[in-house]
Amino acid sequence: MVDQNVLTVFIALTAVAVLIQCGILLGLCFMSSKLSRQADRAAEVARTFLGPIQNTAEHLQVLAARMTEVGAVMHSQLRQFEQWRRGAR
């Protein structure tokens, strides 16, 4: 049969290994939650910075559309003026 002292040593080593693994798991869980909180804060900061940028981009899109309309109207009016000028000669 197995020597009682050897069995006790192996059980003790197994218990120590399980405790070490438990400590490692707790550490990973703690670091994971800490990183998650930091990522949430970083995402919130990014949202506060990107909000005005997105607003500016939307305004620039509207401005570009209006400038295109103005360009088209001016082009049309210049064509009419050119035709009128040719007819006046």
Protein backbone atom coordinates (compact mmCIF):
# COMPACT_ATOMS: atom_id res chain seq x y z
CA MET A 1 0.00 0.00 0.00
CA VAL A 2 0.96 3.67 -0.37
CA ASP A 3 2.95 5.23 2.43
CA GLN A 4 0.73 7.57 4.49
CA ASN A 5 3.37 10.36 4.58
CA VAL A 6 3.78 10.39 0.79
CA LEU A 7 0.02 10.56 0.35
CA THR A 8 -0.21 13.46 2.82
CA VAL A 9 2.56 15.35 0.99
CA PHE A 10 0.87 14.90 -2.40
CA ILE A 11 -2.50 16.02 -1.02
CA ALA A 12 -0.84 19.06 0.57
CA LEU A 13 0.94 19.92 -2.71
CA THR A 14 -2.33 19.55 -4.59
CA ALA A 15 -4.08 21.84 -2.11
CA VAL A 16 -1.31 24.44 -2.46
CA ALA A 17 -1.55 24.22 -6.27
CA VAL A 18 -5.32 24.69 -6.14
CA LEU A 19 -4.90 27.73 -3.85
CA ILE A 20 -2.32 29.22 -6.23
CA GLN A 21 -4.67 28.69 -9.18
CA CYS A 22 -7.49 30.28 -7.20
CA GLY A 23 -5.29 33.29 -6.50
CA ILE A 24 -4.37 33.57 -10.17
CA LEU A 25 -8.05 33.40 -11.17
CA LEU A 26 -8.97 36.09 -8.67
CA GLY A 27 -6.14 38.28 -9.98
CA LEU A 28 -7.29 37.80 -13.57
CA CYS A 29 -10.86 38.60 -12.59
CA PHE A 30 -9.75 41.76 -10.77
CA MET A 31 -7.58 42.92 -13.68
CA SER A 32 -10.34 42.14 -16.17
CA SER A 33 -12.86 44.26 -14.29
CA LYS A 34 -10.33 47.07 -13.90
CA LEU A 35 -9.55 47.03 -17.64
CA SER A 36 -13.26 46.96 -18.41
CA ARG A 37 -13.85 50.07 -16.30
CA GLN A 38 -10.92 51.83 -17.97
CA ALA A 39 -12.22 50.90 -21.42
CA ASP A 40 -15.66 52.25 -20.51
CA ARG A 41 -14.11 55.53 -19.37
CA ALA A 42 -12.01 55.74 -22.54
CA ALA A 43 -15.08 55.11 -24.69
CA GLU A 44 -16.96 57.88 -22.88
CA VAL A 45 -14.08 60.31 -23.41
CA ALA A 46 -13.97 59.34 -27.08
CA ARG A 47 -17.71 59.98 -27.37
CA THR A 48 -17.32 63.45 -25.85
CA PHE A 49 -14.56 64.26 -28.34
CA LEU A 50 -16.26 62.71 -31.34
CA GLY A 51 -19.63 64.33 -30.69
CA PRO A 52 -18.55 67.83 -31.76
CA ILE A 53 -16.51 66.40 -34.64
CA GLN A 54 -19.51 64.46 -35.89
CA ASN A 55 -21.65 67.59 -35.58
CA THR A 56 -19.08 69.57 -37.56
CA ALA A 57 -18.94 66.87 -40.24
CA GLU A 58 -22.73 66.97 -40.60
CA HIS A 59 -22.64 70.75 -40.94
CA LEU A 60 -19.90 70.47 -43.56
CA GLN A 61 -22.01 67.99 -45.52
CA VAL A 62 -24.94 70.40 -45.49
CA LEU A 63 -22.64 73.25 -46.48
CA ALA A 64 -21.18 71.22 -49.34
CA ALA A 65 -24.67 70.38 -50.60
CA ARG A 66 -25.68 74.04 -50.47
CA MET A 67 -22.47 75.11 -52.22
CA THR A 68 -23.21 72.58 -54.97
CA GLU A 69 -26.70 74.05 -55.36
CA VAL A 70 -25.28 77.58 -55.48
CA GLY A 71 -22.73 76.51 -58.08
CA ALA A 72 -25.44 74.95 -60.23
CA VAL A 73 -27.63 78.06 -59.99
CA MET A 74 -24.70 80.36 -60.78
CA HIS A 75 -23.75 78.18 -63.74
CA SER A 76 -27.31 78.39 -65.05
CA GLN A 77 -27.47 82.15 -64.57
CA LEU A 78 -24.10 82.66 -66.25
CA ARG A 79 -25.32 80.64 -69.23
CA GLN A 80 -28.46 82.82 -69.42
CA PHE A 81 -26.36 85.98 -69.13
CA GLU A 82 -24.04 84.73 -71.85
CA GLN A 83 -26.97 83.98 -74.15
CA TRP A 84 -28.49 87.41 -73.42
CA ARG A 85 -25.14 89.09 -74.09
CA ARG A 86 -24.77 87.28 -77.42
CA GLY A 87 -28.28 88.27 -78.36
CA ALA A 88 -27.68 91.94 -77.42
CA ARG A 89 -24.80 92.31 -79.88
